[in-house]
C-alpha atoms as a PDB file:
ATOM      1  CA  UNK A   1    -119.707  75.185-150.824  1.00  0.00           C
ATOM      2  CA  UNK A   2    -117.715  78.052-152.346  1.00  0.00           C
ATOM      3  CA  UNK A   3    -114.155  77.129-153.335  1.00  0.00           C
ATOM      4  CA  UNK A   4    -111.246  79.264-154.515  1.00  0.00           C
ATOM      5  CA  UNK A   5    -109.060  77.381-157.021  1.00  0.00           C
ATOM      6  CA  UNK A   6    -105.421  78.203-157.796  1.00  0.00           C
ATOM      7  CA  UNK A   7    -103.442  76.727-160.716  1.00  0.00           C
ATOM      8  CA  UNK A   8     -99.667  77.311-160.972  1.00  0.00           C
ATOM      9  CA  UNK A   9     -98.274  74.035-162.321  1.00  0.00           C
ATOM     10  CA  UNK A  10     -96.294  75.464-165.237  1.00  0.00           C
ATOM     11  CA  UNK A  11     -96.473  78.735-167.188  1.00  0.00           C
ATOM     12  CA  UNK A  12    -100.025  79.944-166.567  1.00  0.00           C
ATOM     13  CA  UNK A  13    -101.488  81.431-163.407  1.00  0.00           C
ATOM     14  CA  UNK A  14    -105.153  80.490-163.149  1.00  0.00           C
ATOM     15  CA  UNK A  15    -107.630  81.455-160.431  1.00  0.00           C
ATOM     16  CA  UNK A  16    -111.355  80.748-160.142  1.00  0.00           C
ATOM     17  CA  UNK A  17    -114.246  80.629-157.702  1.00  0.00           C
ATOM     18  CA  UNK A  18    -116.618  77.667-157.964  1.00  0.00           C
ATOM     19  CA  UNK A  19    -119.843  77.184-155.997  1.00  0.00           C
ATOM     20  CA  UNK A  20    -121.184  73.631-155.700  1.00  0.00           C
ATOM     21  CA  UNK A  21    -124.762  74.947-155.863  1.00  0.00           C
ATOM     22  CA  UNK A  22    -124.564  77.668-158.521  1.00  0.00           C
ATOM     23  CA  UNK A  23    -121.492  76.612-160.553  1.00  0.00           C
ATOM     24  CA  UNK A  24    -118.552  78.670-161.766  1.00  0.00           C
ATOM     25  CA  UNK A  25    -118.767  82.257-160.511  1.00  0.00           C
ATOM     26  CA  UNK A  26    -115.628  83.735-162.061  1.00  0.00           C
ATOM     27  CA  UNK A  27    -112.233  82.765-163.442  1.00  0.00           C
ATOM     28  CA  UNK A  28    -109.128  84.571-164.671  1.00  0.00           C
ATOM     29  CA  UNK A  29    -105.978  83.389-166.425  1.00  0.00           C
ATOM     30  CA  UNK A  30    -102.581  84.982-166.915  1.00  0.00           C
ATOM     31  CA  UNK A  31    -100.285  83.397-169.503  1.00  0.00           C
ATOM     32  CA  UNK A  32     -96.492  83.634-169.412  1.00  0.00           C
ATOM     33  CA  UNK A  33     -96.091  82.876-173.132  1.00  0.00           C
ATOM     34  CA  UNK A  34     -94.437  86.196-173.939  1.00  0.00           C
ATOM     35  CA  UNK A  35     -92.031  85.797-171.009  1.00  0.00           C
ATOM     36  CA  UNK A  36     -90.761  82.403-172.197  1.00  0.00           C
ATOM     37  CA  UNK A  37     -91.023  82.932-175.971  1.00  0.00           C
ATOM     38  CA  UNK A  38     -87.512  84.380-176.275  1.00  0.00           C
ATOM     39  CA  UNK A  39     -86.088  81.154-174.795  1.00  0.00           C
ATOM     40  CA  UNK A  40     -88.171  78.799-176.940  1.00  0.00           C
ATOM     41  CA  UNK A  41     -89.624  77.043-173.901  1.00  0.00           C
ATOM     42  CA  UNK A  42     -90.526  77.384-170.241  1.00  0.00           C
ATOM     43  CA  UNK A  43     -87.758  78.536-167.876  1.00  0.00           C
ATOM     44  CA  UNK A  44     -88.787  77.109-164.457  1.00  0.00           C
ATOM     45  CA  UNK A  45     -87.221  79.825-162.298  1.00  0.00           C
ATOM     46  CA  UNK A  46     -88.823  82.619-164.317  1.00  0.00           C
ATOM     47  CA  UNK A  47     -92.157  80.801-164.209  1.00  0.00           C
ATOM     48  CA  UNK A  48     -92.040  80.569-160.408  1.00  0.00           C
ATOM     49  CA  UNK A  49     -91.186  84.248-160.008  1.00  0.00           C
ATOM     50  CA  UNK A  50     -93.989  85.303-162.316  1.00  0.00           C
ATOM     51  CA  UNK A  51     -96.522  83.192-160.403  1.00  0.00           C
ATOM     52  CA  UNK A  52     -95.455  85.028-157.236  1.00  0.00           C
ATOM     53  CA  UNK A  53     -96.014  88.336-158.988  1.00  0.00           C
ATOM     54  CA  UNK A  54     -99.466  87.491-160.379  1.00  0.00           C
ATOM     55  CA  UNK A  55    -101.133  85.133-157.869  1.00  0.00           C
ATOM     56  CA  UNK A  56    -102.454  87.612-155.304  1.00  0.00           C
ATOM     57  CA  UNK A  57    -103.613  90.274-157.814  1.00  0.00           C
ATOM     58  CA  UNK A  58    -105.480  87.586-159.779  1.00  0.00           C
ATOM     59  CA  UNK A  59    -107.116  86.246-156.620  1.00  0.00           C
ATOM     60  CA  UNK A  60    -108.340  89.728-155.772  1.00  0.00           C
ATOM     61  CA  UNK A  61    -109.585  90.241-159.333  1.00  0.00           C
ATOM     62  CA  UNK A  62    -111.492  86.948-159.351  1.00  0.00           C
ATOM     63  CA  UNK A  63    -113.084  87.568-155.972  1.00  0.00           C
ATOM     64  CA  UNK A  64    -114.329  90.952-157.153  1.00  0.00           C
ATOM     65  CA  UNK A  65    -115.661  89.441-160.386  1.00  0.00           C
ATOM     66  CA  UNK A  66    -117.446  86.737-158.378  1.00  0.00           C
ATOM     67  CA  UNK A  67    -118.835  89.363-155.980  1.00  0.00           C
ATOM     68  CA  UNK A  68    -117.299  87.305-153.171  1.00  0.00           C
ATOM     69  CA  UNK A  69    -115.131  88.249-150.226  1.00  0.00           C
ATOM     70  CA  UNK A  70    -112.408  86.038-148.794  1.00  0.00           C
ATOM     71  CA  UNK A  71    -114.579  85.541-145.720  1.00  0.00           C
ATOM     72  CA  UNK A  72    -117.240  83.921-147.923  1.00  0.00           C
ATOM     73  CA  UNK A  73    -114.822  81.273-149.232  1.00  0.00           C
ATOM     74  CA  UNK A  74    -115.472  77.841-147.678  1.00  0.00           C
ATOM     75  CA  UNK A  75    -112.388  76.070-148.981  1.00  0.00           C
ATOM     76  CA  UNK A  76    -109.303  76.483-151.134  1.00  0.00           C
ATOM     77  CA  UNK A  77    -107.973  74.135-153.806  1.00  0.00           C
ATOM     78  CA  UNK A  78    -104.566  74.400-155.446  1.00  0.00           C
ATOM     79  CA  UNK A  79    -102.590  72.295-157.906  1.00  0.00           C
ATOM     80  CA  UNK A  80    -100.233  70.022-155.962  1.00  0.00           C
ATOM     81  CA  UNK A  81     -98.799  68.176-158.968  1.00  0.00           C
ATOM     82  CA  UNK A  82     -97.631  67.025-161.346  1.00  0.00           C
ATOM     83  CA  UNK A  83     -95.719  70.010-162.629  1.00  0.00           C
ATOM     84  CA  UNK A  84     -92.702  72.236-162.021  1.00  0.00           C
ATOM     85  CA  UNK A  85     -91.925  72.035-158.302  1.00  0.00           C
ATOM     86  CA  UNK A  86     -91.070  75.709-157.886  1.00  0.00           C
ATOM     87  CA  UNK A  87     -94.225  76.801-159.676  1.00  0.00           C
ATOM     88  CA  UNK A  88     -96.363  74.343-157.713  1.00  0.00           C
ATOM     89  CA  UNK A  89     -94.948  75.621-154.421  1.00  0.00           C
ATOM     90  CA  UNK A  90     -96.173  79.137-155.183  1.00  0.00           C
ATOM     91  CA  UNK A  91     -99.819  78.078-155.529  1.00  0.00           C
ATOM     92  CA  UNK A  92     -99.558  75.617-152.653  1.00  0.00           C
ATOM     93  CA  UNK A  93     -97.999  78.183-150.306  1.00  0.00           C
ATOM     94  CA  UNK A  94    -100.558  80.865-151.180  1.00  0.00           C
ATOM     95  CA  UNK A  95    -103.461  78.435-150.900  1.00  0.00           C
ATOM     96  CA  UNK A  96    -102.345  76.945-147.597  1.00  0.00           C
ATOM     97  CA  UNK A  97    -101.564  80.361-146.091  1.00  0.00           C
ATOM     98  CA  UNK A  98    -104.995  81.701-147.050  1.00  0.00           C
ATOM     99  CA  UNK A  99    -106.680  78.585-145.723  1.00  0.00           C
ATOM    100  CA  UNK A 100    -104.925  78.823-142.363  1.00  0.00           C
ATOM    101  CA  UNK A 101    -105.647  82.535-142.015  1.00  0.00           C
ATOM    102  CA  UNK A 102    -109.347  82.019-142.849  1.00  0.00           C
ATOM    103  CA  UNK A 103    -109.738  78.809-140.879  1.00  0.00           C
ATOM    104  CA  UNK A 104    -111.072  76.891-143.914  1.00  0.00           C
ATOM    105  CA  UNK A 105    -109.929  73.524-145.315  1.00  0.00           C
ATOM    106  CA  UNK A 106    -107.516  73.324-148.223  1.00  0.00           C
ATOM    107  CA  UNK A 107    -106.764  70.519-150.651  1.00  0.00           C
ATOM    108  CA  UNK A 108    -104.043  69.760-153.164  1.00  0.00           C
ATOM    109  CA  UNK A 109    -105.516  68.784-156.530  1.00  0.00           C
ATOM    110  CA  UNK A 110    -104.005  66.491-159.143  1.00  0.00           C
ATOM    111  CA  UNK A 111    -103.447  68.592-162.263  1.00  0.00           C
ATOM    112  CA  UNK A 112    -104.587  65.869-164.655  1.00  0.00           C
ATOM    113  CA  UNK A 113    -107.679  65.102-162.585  1.00  0.00           C
ATOM    114  CA  UNK A 114    -108.511  68.765-163.034  1.00  0.00           C
ATOM    115  CA  UNK A 115    -108.174  68.398-166.808  1.00  0.00           C
ATOM    116  CA  UNK A 116    -110.161  65.161-166.820  1.00  0.00           C
ATOM    117  CA  UNK A 117    -113.050  66.791-164.949  1.00  0.00           C
ATOM    118  CA  UNK A 118    -113.017  70.076-166.910  1.00  0.00           C
ATOM    119  CA  UNK A 119    -115.860  68.912-169.221  1.00  0.00           C
ATOM    120  CA  UNK A 120    -118.028  68.725-166.087  1.00  0.00           C
ATOM    121  CA  UNK A 121    -118.089  72.535-166.159  1.00  0.00           C
ATOM    122  CA  UNK A 122    -120.161  72.446-169.350  1.00  0.00           C
ATOM    123  CA  UNK A 123    -123.946  72.703-169.502  1.00  0.00           C
ATOM    124  CA  UNK A 124    -124.251  69.077-170.625  1.00  0.00           C
ATOM    125  CA  UNK A 125    -121.496  67.131-168.844  1.00  0.00           C
ATOM    126  CA  UNK A 126    -120.648  63.472-169.498  1.00  0.00           C
ATOM    127  CA  UNK A 127    -121.964  60.747-167.221  1.00  0.00           C
ATOM    128  CA  UNK A 128    -119.770  58.093-165.613  1.00  0.00           C
ATOM    129  CA  UNK A 129    -118.408  55.675-166.701  1.00  0.00           C
ATOM    130  CA  UNK A 130    -116.430  56.788-169.748  1.00  0.00           C
ATOM    131  CA  UNK A 131    -113.080  56.498-171.497  1.00  0.00           C
ATOM    132  CA  UNK A 132    -110.920  59.614-171.268  1.00  0.00           C
ATOM    133  CA  UNK A 133    -108.127  60.651-173.607  1.00  0.00           C
ATOM    134  CA  UNK A 134    -105.866  63.061-171.726  1.00  0.00           C
ATOM    135  CA  UNK A 135    -103.617  64.963-174.111  1.00  0.00           C
ATOM    136  CA  UNK A 136    -101.439  67.831-172.934  1.00  0.00           C
ATOM    137  CA  UNK A 137     -97.896  69.098-173.158  1.00  0.00           C
ATOM    138  CA  UNK A 138     -96.679  66.601-170.581  1.00  0.00           C
ATOM    139  CA  UNK A 139     -99.174  63.737-170.691  1.00  0.00           C
ATOM    140  CA  UNK A 140    -100.850  61.428-173.166  1.00  0.00           C
ATOM    141  CA  UNK A 141    -103.023  58.800-171.500  1.00  0.00           C
ATOM    142  CA  UNK A 142    -106.100  56.678-172.078  1.00  0.00           C
ATOM    143  CA  UNK A 143    -108.030  56.150-168.864  1.00  0.00           C
ATOM    144  CA  UNK A 144    -111.156  54.239-167.913  1.00  0.00           C
ATOM    145  CA  UNK A 145    -113.124  56.498-165.564  1.00  0.00           C
ATOM    146  CA  UNK A 146    -115.736  54.930-163.279  1.00  0.00           C
ATOM    147  CA  UNK A 147    -116.077  57.997-161.067  1.00  0.00           C
ATOM    148  CA  UNK A 148    -113.970  60.691-159.411  1.00  0.00           C
ATOM    149  CA  UNK A 149    -110.800  58.999-158.214  1.00  0.00           C
ATOM    150  CA  UNK A 150    -111.750  55.686-159.806  1.00  0.00           C
ATOM    151  CA  UNK A 151    -109.282  55.591-162.663  1.00  0.00           C
ATOM    152  CA  UNK A 152    -107.759  52.663-164.545  1.00  0.00           C
ATOM    153  CA  UNK A 153    -104.863  53.411-166.874  1.00  0.00           C
ATOM    154  CA  UNK A 154    -105.434  51.771-170.258  1.00  0.00           C
ATOM    155  CA  UNK A 155    -102.476  53.190-172.176  1.00  0.00           C
ATOM    156  CA  UNK A 156     -99.960  56.018-172.199  1.00  0.00           C
ATOM    157  CA  UNK A 157     -97.125  57.500-174.211  1.00  0.00           C
ATOM    158  CA  UNK A 158     -93.844  55.632-173.909  1.00  0.00           C
ATOM    159  CA  UNK A 159     -91.839  58.750-174.809  1.00  0.00           C
ATOM    160  CA  UNK A 160     -92.932  62.284-175.774  1.00  0.00           C
ATOM    161  CA  UNK A 161     -96.479  63.335-175.013  1.00  0.00           C
ATOM    162  CA  UNK A 162     -98.515  64.509-178.000  1.00  0.00           C
ATOM    163  CA  UNK A 163     -98.250  68.149-176.920  1.00  0.00           C
ATOM    164  CA  UNK A 164     -94.462  67.871-176.697  1.00  0.00           C
ATOM    165  CA  UNK A 165     -94.344  66.346-180.181  1.00  0.00           C
ATOM    166  CA  UNK A 166     -96.406  69.245-181.553  1.00  0.00           C
ATOM    167  CA  UNK A 167     -94.098  71.782-179.921  1.00  0.00           C
ATOM    168  CA  UNK A 168     -90.937  70.062-181.188  1.00  0.00           C
ATOM    169  CA  UNK A 169     -92.283  69.833-184.730  1.00  0.00           C
ATOM    170  CA  UNK A 170     -93.058  73.536-184.422  1.00  0.00           C
ATOM    171  CA  UNK A 171     -89.381  74.167-183.667  1.00  0.00           C
ATOM    172  CA  UNK A 172     -88.358  72.055-186.670  1.00  0.00           C
ATOM    173  CA  UNK A 173     -90.588  74.231-188.848  1.00  0.00           C
ATOM    174  CA  UNK A 174     -89.092  77.402-187.387  1.00  0.00           C
ATOM    175  CA  UNK A 175     -92.337  78.472-185.714  1.00  0.00           C
ATOM    176  CA  UNK A 176     -92.445  80.675-182.640  1.00  0.00           C
ATOM    177  CA  UNK A 177     -93.131  79.315-179.144  1.00  0.00           C
ATOM    178  CA  UNK A 178     -95.515  77.736-178.301  1.00  0.00           C
ATOM    179  CA  UNK A 179     -95.191  75.590-181.390  1.00  0.00           C
ATOM    180  CA  UNK A 180     -98.195  73.295-180.935  1.00  0.00           C
ATOM    181  CA  UNK A 181    -101.018  75.761-181.693  1.00  0.00           C
ATOM    182  CA  UNK A 182     -98.943  77.265-184.519  1.00  0.00           C
ATOM    183  CA  UNK A 183     -98.462  73.844-186.137  1.00  0.00           C
ATOM    184  CA  UNK A 184    -102.234  73.319-185.980  1.00  0.00           C
ATOM    185  CA  UNK A 185    -102.854  76.737-187.536  1.00  0.00           C
ATOM    186  CA  UNK A 186    -100.296  76.105-190.295  1.00  0.00           C
ATOM    187  CA  UNK A 187    -101.821  72.668-190.990  1.00  0.00           C
ATOM    188  CA  UNK A 188    -105.084  74.376-191.941  1.00  0.00           C
ATOM    189  CA  UNK A 189    -103.337  75.536-195.140  1.00  0.00           C
ATOM    190  CA  UNK A 190    -101.799  72.149-195.934  1.00  0.00           C
ATOM    191  CA  UNK A 191    -102.848  69.932-198.832  1.00  0.00           C
ATOM    192  CA  UNK A 192    -103.920  66.377-198.029  1.00  0.00           C
ATOM    193  CA  UNK A 193    -101.902  63.611-199.658  1.00  0.00           C
ATOM    194  CA  UNK A 194     -98.709  65.565-200.313  1.00  0.00           C
ATOM    195  CA  UNK A 195     -97.009  63.564-197.559  1.00  0.00           C
ATOM    196  CA  UNK A 196     -97.953  60.338-195.776  1.00  0.00           C
ATOM    197  CA  UNK A 197     -96.578  59.938-192.273  1.00  0.00           C
ATOM    198  CA  UNK A 198     -96.764  56.744-190.169  1.00  0.00           C
ATOM    199  CA  UNK A 199     -99.431  56.148-187.508  1.00  0.00           C
ATOM    200  CA  UNK A 200     -97.175  55.041-184.628  1.00  0.00           C
ATOM    201  CA  UNK A 201     -97.883  51.726-182.879  1.00  0.00           C
ATOM    202  CA  UNK A 202    -101.201  51.184-184.648  1.00  0.00           C
ATOM    203  CA  UNK A 203     -99.961  48.072-186.469  1.00  0.00           C
ATOM    204  CA  UNK A 204     -99.720  46.140-183.212  1.00  0.00           C
ATOM    205  CA  UNK A 205    -102.122  45.398-180.335  1.00  0.00           C
ATOM    206  CA  UNK A 206    -102.300  47.618-177.303  1.00  0.00           C
ATOM    207  CA  UNK A 207    -103.244  51.132-176.269  1.00  0.00           C
ATOM    208  CA  UNK A 208     -99.853  52.736-175.645  1.00  0.00           C
ATOM    209  CA  UNK A 209     -98.501  55.614-177.729  1.00  0.00           C
ATOM    210  CA  UNK A 210     -95.112  56.630-179.103  1.00  0.00           C
ATOM    211  CA  UNK A 211     -94.429  59.842-180.985  1.00  0.00           C
ATOM    212  CA  UNK A 212     -90.617  59.882-181.085  1.00  0.00           C
ATOM    213  CA  UNK A 213     -90.474  57.939-184.366  1.00  0.00           C
ATOM    214  CA  UNK A 214     -93.047  60.227-185.974  1.00  0.00           C
ATOM    215  CA  UNK A 215     -91.038  63.230-184.852  1.00  0.00           C
ATOM    216  CA  UNK A 216     -87.913  61.755-186.452  1.00  0.00           C
ATOM    217  CA  UNK A 217     -89.884  61.058-189.652  1.00  0.00           C
ATOM    218  CA  UNK A 218     -90.842  64.743-189.797  1.00  0.00           C
ATOM    219  CA  UNK A 219     -87.226  65.833-189.309  1.00  0.00           C
ATOM    220  CA  UNK A 220     -85.992  63.487-192.054  1.00  0.00           C
ATOM    221  CA  UNK A 221     -88.709  64.697-194.435  1.00  0.00           C
ATOM    222  CA  UNK A 222     -87.756  68.326-193.873  1.00  0.00           C
ATOM    223  CA  UNK A 223     -84.058  67.545-194.429  1.00  0.00           C
ATOM    224  CA  UNK A 224     -84.862  65.685-197.660  1.00  0.00           C
ATOM    225  CA  UNK A 225     -86.918  68.618-198.920  1.00  0.00           C
ATOM    226  CA  UNK A 226     -84.143  71.086-198.102  1.00  0.00           C
ATOM    227  CA  UNK A 227     -81.590  68.918-199.910  1.00  0.00           C
ATOM    228  CA  UNK A 228     -83.875  68.556-202.933  1.00  0.00           C
ATOM    229  CA  UNK A 229     -84.502  72.296-203.146  1.00  0.00           C
ATOM    230  CA  UNK A 230     -80.952  73.266-202.258  1.00  0.00           C
ATOM    231  CA  UNK A 231     -82.248  75.807-199.758  1.00  0.00           C
ATOM    232  CA  UNK A 232     -82.356  76.067-195.992  1.00  0.00           C
ATOM    233  CA  UNK A 233     -85.695  77.908-195.929  1.00  0.00           C
ATOM    234  CA  UNK A 234     -88.568  75.830-197.259  1.00  0.00           C
ATOM    235  CA  UNK A 235     -91.532  77.330-199.156  1.00  0.00           C
ATOM    236  CA  UNK A 236     -94.532  78.116-196.968  1.00  0.00           C
ATOM    237  CA  UNK A 237     -96.687  75.562-198.776  1.00  0.00           C
ATOM    238  CA  UNK A 238     -94.192  72.766-198.112  1.00  0.00           C
ATOM    239  CA  UNK A 239     -94.174  73.642-194.429  1.00  0.00           C
ATOM    240  CA  UNK A 240     -97.976  73.686-194.378  1.00  0.00           C
ATOM    241  CA  UNK A 241     -98.146  70.307-196.122  1.00  0.00           C
ATOM    242  CA  UNK A 242     -95.720  68.788-193.614  1.00  0.00           C
ATOM    243  CA  UNK A 243     -97.701  70.271-190.701  1.00  0.00           C
ATOM    244  CA  UNK A 244    -100.911  68.820-192.163  1.00  0.00           C
ATOM    245  CA  UNK A 245     -99.384  65.354-192.590  1.00  0.00           C
ATOM    246  CA  UNK A 246     -97.984  65.396-189.040  1.00  0.00           C
ATOM    247  CA  UNK A 247    -101.238  66.544-187.467  1.00  0.00           C
ATOM    248  CA  UNK A 248    -103.219  64.019-189.514  1.00  0.00           C
ATOM    249  CA  UNK A 249    -100.929  61.197-188.350  1.00  0.00           C
ATOM    250  CA  UNK A 250    -101.401  62.184-184.698  1.00  0.00           C
ATOM    251  CA  UNK A 251    -105.179  62.545-185.067  1.00  0.00           C
ATOM    252  CA  UNK A 252    -105.603  59.213-186.853  1.00  0.00           C
ATOM    253  CA  UNK A 253    -103.431  57.503-184.242  1.00  0.00           C
ATOM    254  CA  UNK A 254    -105.721  58.837-181.527  1.00  0.00           C
ATOM    255  CA  UNK A 255    -108.826  57.791-183.462  1.00  0.00           C
ATOM    256  CA  UNK A 256    -107.531  54.223-183.823  1.00  0.00           C
ATOM    257  CA  UNK A 257    -106.452  53.929-180.181  1.00  0.00           C
ATOM    258  CA  UNK A 258    -109.637  55.494-178.792  1.00  0.00           C
ATOM    259  CA  UNK A 259    -111.761  53.125-180.864  1.00  0.00           C
ATOM    260  CA  UNK A 260    -109.780  50.199-179.483  1.00  0.00           C
ATOM    261  CA  UNK A 261    -110.207  51.487-175.931  1.00  0.00           C
ATOM    262  CA  UNK A 262    -113.973  51.824-176.340  1.00  0.00           C
ATOM    263  CA  UNK A 263    -114.232  48.347-177.842  1.00  0.00           C
ATOM    264  CA  UNK A 264    -112.101  46.870-175.041  1.00  0.00           C
ATOM    265  CA  UNK A 265    -114.188  48.479-172.299  1.00  0.00           C
ATOM    266  CA  UNK A 266    -117.578  48.212-173.971  1.00  0.00           C
ATOM    267  CA  UNK A 267    -118.228  51.892-173.250  1.00  0.00           C
ATOM    268  CA  UNK A 268    -119.897  54.368-175.611  1.00  0.00           C
ATOM    269  CA  UNK A 269    -118.769  57.667-174.079  1.00  0.00           C
ATOM    270  CA  UNK A 270    -115.429  59.323-174.821  1.00  0.00           C
ATOM    271  CA  UNK A 271    -114.048  62.416-173.098  1.00  0.00           C
ATOM    272  CA  UNK A 272    -111.014  64.315-174.401  1.00  0.00           C
ATOM    273  CA  UNK A 273    -109.257  66.751-172.105  1.00  0.00           C
ATOM    274  CA  UNK A 274    -106.019  68.694-171.808  1.00  0.00           C
ATOM    275  CA  UNK A 275    -104.504  71.404-173.993  1.00  0.00           C
ATOM    276  CA  UNK A 276    -104.380  69.341-177.196  1.00  0.00           C
ATOM    277  CA  UNK A 277    -108.110  68.574-176.868  1.00  0.00           C
ATOM    278  CA  UNK A 278    -108.709  72.103-178.218  1.00  0.00           C
ATOM    279  CA  UNK A 279    -107.298  70.961-181.576  1.00  0.00           C
ATOM    280  CA  UNK A 280    -110.133  71.209-184.105  1.00  0.00           C
ATOM    281  CA  UNK A 281    -108.868  68.385-186.315  1.00  0.00           C
ATOM    282  CA  UNK A 282    -108.667  66.052-183.335  1.00  0.00           C
ATOM    283  CA  UNK A 283    -112.210  66.925-182.290  1.00  0.00           C
ATOM    284  CA  UNK A 284    -113.511  66.403-185.820  1.00  0.00           C
ATOM    285  CA  UNK A 285    -111.741  63.069-186.229  1.00  0.00           C
ATOM    286  CA  UNK A 286    -112.976  61.686-182.935  1.00  0.00           C
ATOM    287  CA  UNK A 287    -116.488  63.060-183.492  1.00  0.00           C
ATOM    288  CA  UNK A 288    -116.730  61.251-186.831  1.00  0.00           C
ATOM    289  CA  UNK A 289    -115.528  58.026-185.226  1.00  0.00           C
ATOM    290  CA  UNK A 290    -118.013  58.297-182.341  1.00  0.00           C
ATOM    291  CA  UNK A 291    -120.941  58.997-184.668  1.00  0.00           C
ATOM    292  CA  UNK A 292    -120.015  55.952-186.737  1.00  0.00           C
ATOM    293  CA  UNK A 293    -120.068  53.797-183.603  1.00  0.00           C
ATOM    294  CA  UNK A 294    -123.173  55.395-182.058  1.00  0.00           C
ATOM    295  CA  UNK A 295    -121.227  56.922-179.197  1.00  0.00           C
ATOM    296  CA  UNK A 296    -120.909  60.364-177.623  1.00  0.00           C
ATOM    297  CA  UNK A 297    -117.910  62.677-177.481  1.00  0.00           C
ATOM    298  CA  UNK A 298    -117.470  65.289-174.741  1.00  0.00           C
ATOM    299  CA  UNK A 299    -114.882  68.037-174.281  1.00  0.00           C
ATOM    300  CA  UNK A 300    -114.538  71.378-172.537  1.00  0.00           C
ATOM    301  CA  UNK A 301    -114.755  74.739-174.248  1.00  0.00           C
ATOM    302  CA  UNK A 302    -111.297  75.923-175.426  1.00  0.00           C
ATOM    303  CA  UNK A 303    -110.524  78.152-172.439  1.00  0.00           C
ATOM    304  CA  UNK A 304    -110.955  75.188-170.099  1.00  0.00           C
ATOM    305  CA  UNK A 305    -108.797  72.853-172.215  1.00  0.00           C
ATOM    306  CA  UNK A 306    -105.522  74.561-171.380  1.00  0.00           C
ATOM    307  CA  UNK A 307    -104.377  75.045-167.773  1.00  0.00           C
ATOM    308  CA  UNK A 308    -106.901  77.078-165.788  1.00  0.00           C
ATOM    309  CA  UNK A 309    -108.143  77.733-162.279  1.00  0.00           C
ATOM    310  CA  UNK A 310    -111.726  76.660-162.963  1.00  0.00           C
ATOM    311  CA  UNK A 311    -110.848  72.982-163.362  1.00  0.00           C
ATOM    312  CA  UNK A 312    -108.859  73.062-160.111  1.00  0.00           C
ATOM    313  CA  UNK A 313    -111.671  74.801-158.253  1.00  0.00           C
ATOM    314  CA  UNK A 314    -114.185  72.236-159.550  1.00  0.00           C
ATOM    315  CA  UNK A 315    -112.064  69.169-158.788  1.00  0.00           C
ATOM    316  CA  UNK A 316    -111.132  70.541-155.372  1.00  0.00           C
ATOM    317  CA  UNK A 317    -114.754  71.388-154.556  1.00  0.00           C
ATOM    318  CA  UNK A 318    -115.826  67.789-155.210  1.00  0.00           C
ATOM    319  CA  UNK A 319    -113.219  66.393-152.845  1.00  0.00           C
ATOM    320  CA  UNK A 320    -113.662  69.064-150.170  1.00  0.00           C
ATOM    321  CA  UNK A 321    -117.442  68.532-150.229  1.00  0.00           C
ATOM    322  CA  UNK A 322    -116.796  64.808-149.705  1.00  0.00           C
ATOM    323  CA  UNK A 323    -114.844  65.559-146.524  1.00  0.00           C
ATOM    324  CA  UNK A 324    -111.297  65.378-147.843  1.00  0.00           C
ATOM    325  CA  UNK A 325    -108.720  67.986-146.825  1.00  0.00           C
ATOM    326  CA  UNK A 326    -104.991  68.541-146.382  1.00  0.00           C
ATOM    327  CA  UNK A 327    -103.082  67.300-143.395  1.00  0.00           C
ATOM    328  CA  UNK A 328    -100.458  69.398-141.636  1.00  0.00           C
ATOM    329  CA  UNK A 329     -97.702  68.764-144.163  1.00  0.00           C
ATOM    330  CA  UNK A 330     -97.303  70.716-147.406  1.00  0.00           C
ATOM    331  CA  UNK A 331     -96.502  68.401-150.302  1.00  0.00           C
ATOM    332  CA  UNK A 332     -96.171  69.058-154.023  1.00  0.00           C
ATOM    333  CA  UNK A 333     -95.181  66.418-156.551  1.00  0.00           C
ATOM    334  CA  UNK A 334     -93.328  66.792-159.828  1.00  0.00           C
ATOM    335  CA  UNK A 335     -94.576  63.313-160.777  1.00  0.00           C
ATOM    336  CA  UNK A 336     -97.864  61.870-159.564  1.00  0.00           C
ATOM    337  CA  UNK A 337     -99.550  58.903-161.306  1.00  0.00           C
ATOM    338  CA  UNK A 338    -103.243  59.610-161.820  1.00  0.00           C
ATOM    339  CA  UNK A 339    -104.285  56.059-160.933  1.00  0.00           C
ATOM    340  CA  UNK A 340    -102.846  56.415-157.411  1.00  0.00           C
ATOM    341  CA  UNK A 341    -105.587  58.874-156.421  1.00  0.00           C
ATOM    342  CA  UNK A 342    -108.178  57.550-153.951  1.00  0.00           C
ATOM    343  CA  UNK A 343    -111.884  57.282-154.840  1.00  0.00           C
ATOM    344  CA  UNK A 344    -113.897  60.347-153.909  1.00  0.00           C
ATOM    345  CA  UNK A 345    -114.366  60.678-150.156  1.00  0.00           C
ATOM    346  CA  UNK A 346    -112.349  57.585-149.267  1.00  0.00           C
ATOM    347  CA  UNK A 347    -109.430  59.374-147.677  1.00  0.00           C
ATOM    348  CA  UNK A 348    -107.458  62.574-147.946  1.00  0.00           C
ATOM    349  CA  UNK A 349    -105.049  62.931-150.892  1.00  0.00           C
END
């Protein structure tokens, strides 16, 4: 089955063609980072308009790269949520319109299910069951995964997601948008031990997360340093040391919580997915923990960690192949709990 996938949940337009027999045929991604950088964050209306501008040209480009015509497409998958409603409606409208014109089934895909399944695109994918750490700009969750659609929520962030915390710390440090990757890059020049930040909610039982207190700790540290130096602009090394301490606190928090989740479930396989899963320090920290406990860590290559069409095409192909498809209504959801999805092939989403 050959499926066209369309991702328009936020500020990136992603399109891909996935074949259930031969794998990923082609994918393309257009990022709106430059468009939103001047505002320091995503402007929903501008994001929607840019998706309209780029969706059809990208679809044509991907089809040509995959050496596939529209008539050879057997189904269409698009992101139906969670995300920005206006942006989601662009992909949903294009996907549904193409499906109706071609007479092929369409399906709305859960954005985080796409992220969770992205490691399946790799040459050596993980095997069910496993524990998944989903870390992105809008979500931080620990999930027990028994199969596609068989998800049990183990823990989640009670406030900011990890990606949001990275971006907000980036703003505190005066870094350009998007702040998260720039904080990680700056942290590479930091010196260990200069600052010691708390590991939130690790001194109590449970698998939930909270990063608001850590974010406040960073802000207070920066203010104290500015007062001590009598200057508004901090030296580059101080900023790098703060970035290192913040990133280290987040990574060690994830290591502690993931270890707890694996011990609680008795599983030995951990998957990390979502934009923050591309963070090299996070990968290294979790890899060391898994090796110590004789487990295996899986993640997608960097281009499939952030939002992309390939993960939507793959997730949609699995559900379309199992007989699921859209009804007559067109629904997108700004909020959509992952654990409300049905098991694969049980019923339409």
